[in-house]
Amino acid sequence: MGEKFELVIESNHFSDAGVQENALGLDGKILKGRETVLLDLATEKIDPKDHKTETDPTLYHSEKTGRGPLHAGWVVSKIFLCCVVCCSQSLNLLIFFFLLPWTRKRLTL
């Protein structure tokens, strides 16, 4: 994206319900400054204009697999029953390069 801006997205999927402390192997500086956000599909608030009942995981039941619908606390109940839960771990870095009168600096968000 040129010399002034860089966007880095790394993603891995694990069958551990998100319990790994450093799943992406981050270095100390980035690991210390990270923010962990848990996205639970059963409890996320959705804008009514974007809501579709046919794709709502709290309403959908799969006839083929017998899974669903999801309820609040579904992750804990699945772990308790020793079920496999797939988790996506993602790292999103936004890097800006800017010039000061005497040097070039790098700012990572």
Protein backbone atom coordinates (compact mmCIF):
# COMPACT_ATOMS: atom_id res chain seq x y z
CA MET A 1 0.00 0.00 0.00
CA GLY A 2 2.84 2.31 -0.68
CA GLU A 3 5.46 3.68 1.64
CA LYS A 4 3.14 5.52 4.03
CA PHE A 5 0.64 2.88 5.11
CA GLU A 6 0.64 -0.87 5.69
CA LEU A 7 -2.17 -3.21 6.79
CA VAL A 8 -1.21 -6.69 8.01
CA ILE A 9 -3.83 -9.37 8.75
CA GLU A 10 -2.81 -12.80 10.05
CA SER A 11 -5.34 -15.48 10.89
CA ASN A 12 -5.23 -19.06 12.13
CA HIS A 13 -7.95 -21.51 13.08
CA PHE A 14 -7.63 -23.84 16.06
CA SER A 15 -9.89 -26.40 17.68
CA ASP A 16 -9.35 -25.12 21.21
CA ALA A 17 -12.11 -22.56 21.90
CA GLY A 18 -9.58 -19.73 22.06
CA VAL A 19 -7.62 -20.75 25.15
CA GLN A 20 -4.10 -20.40 23.68
CA GLU A 21 -2.23 -17.47 25.20
CA ASN A 22 -0.07 -16.66 22.17
CA ALA A 23 -1.58 -18.60 19.26
CA LEU A 24 0.01 -16.45 16.56
CA GLY A 25 3.52 -16.41 18.07
CA LEU A 26 3.63 -12.65 18.63
CA ASP A 27 6.74 -10.92 19.91
CA GLY A 28 6.72 -9.35 23.38
CA LYS A 29 5.97 -5.76 22.33
CA ILE A 30 2.94 -6.65 20.19
CA LEU A 31 1.74 -9.29 22.67
CA LYS A 32 1.83 -6.75 25.50
CA GLY A 33 -0.14 -4.16 23.51
CA ARG A 34 -2.77 -6.47 22.04
CA GLU A 35 -6.47 -6.26 22.76
CA THR A 36 -8.40 -9.53 22.85
CA VAL A 37 -11.99 -9.37 21.64
CA LEU A 38 -14.31 -12.33 22.10
CA LEU A 39 -17.00 -12.56 19.46
CA ASP A 40 -19.81 -14.86 20.57
CA LEU A 41 -22.25 -15.42 17.72
CA ALA A 42 -25.09 -16.20 20.14
CA THR A 43 -24.86 -12.95 22.12
CA GLU A 44 -23.66 -10.35 19.61
CA LYS A 45 -26.09 -7.50 19.07
CA ILE A 46 -27.10 -7.08 15.44
CA ASP A 47 -28.62 -3.98 13.92
CA PRO A 48 -32.27 -4.80 13.09
CA LYS A 49 -31.79 -3.67 9.49
CA ASP A 50 -29.01 -6.27 9.06
CA HIS A 51 -30.81 -9.12 10.85
CA LYS A 52 -32.01 -12.13 8.84
CA THR A 53 -33.87 -14.84 10.72
CA GLU A 54 -32.79 -17.53 8.24
CA THR A 55 -29.10 -16.96 9.11
CA ASP A 56 -29.48 -16.16 12.83
CA PRO A 57 -27.40 -18.75 14.77
CA THR A 58 -29.73 -18.39 17.78
CA LEU A 59 -32.68 -19.56 15.65
CA TYR A 60 -31.14 -21.88 13.05
CA HIS A 61 -31.21 -25.68 13.49
CA SER A 62 -29.38 -27.90 11.01
CA GLU A 63 -31.44 -30.91 10.02
CA LYS A 64 -28.36 -32.54 8.47
CA THR A 65 -26.05 -32.33 11.52
CA GLY A 66 -28.61 -31.85 14.30
CA ARG A 67 -26.69 -28.82 15.61
CA GLY A 68 -28.19 -25.54 16.71
CA PRO A 69 -29.62 -23.25 17.66
CA LEU A 70 -26.88 -21.56 19.70
CA HIS A 71 -27.72 -20.17 23.12
CA ALA A 72 -25.89 -17.87 25.54
CA GLY A 73 -23.07 -19.86 27.14
CA TRP A 74 -22.85 -22.38 24.30
CA VAL A 75 -19.03 -22.33 24.24
CA VAL A 76 -18.74 -23.33 27.91
CA SER A 77 -21.33 -26.09 27.53
CA LYS A 78 -19.53 -27.52 24.47
CA ILE A 79 -16.17 -27.51 26.26
CA PHE A 80 -17.77 -29.19 29.30
CA LEU A 81 -19.12 -31.94 27.02
CA CYS A 82 -15.66 -32.31 25.39
CA CYS A 83 -16.95 -31.20 21.99
CA VAL A 84 -14.63 -29.64 19.44
CA VAL A 85 -15.06 -25.87 19.12
CA CYS A 86 -13.28 -24.12 16.25
CA CYS A 87 -11.73 -20.77 17.06
CA SER A 88 -10.26 -18.19 14.71
CA GLN A 89 -7.35 -16.17 16.06
CA SER A 90 -6.66 -13.01 14.05
CA LEU A 91 -4.08 -10.27 14.27
CA ASN A 92 -4.77 -6.97 12.55
CA LEU A 93 -1.91 -4.47 12.42
CA LEU A 94 -2.18 -0.98 11.04
CA ILE A 95 1.24 0.55 10.42
CA PHE A 96 1.81 4.21 9.52
CA PHE A 97 5.09 5.65 8.33
CA PHE A 98 5.57 9.36 8.74
CA LEU A 99 8.40 11.80 8.21
CA LEU A 100 9.70 14.13 10.86
CA PRO A 101 12.17 16.84 9.91
CA TRP A 102 15.13 14.68 10.96
CA THR A 103 14.04 11.05 10.53
CA ARG A 104 11.43 8.53 9.39
CA LYS A 105 9.27 7.01 12.16
CA ARG A 106 7.07 3.92 12.28
CA LEU A 107 3.87 3.82 14.35
CA THR A 108 2.13 0.47 14.83
CA LEU A 109 -1.48 0.42 16.01
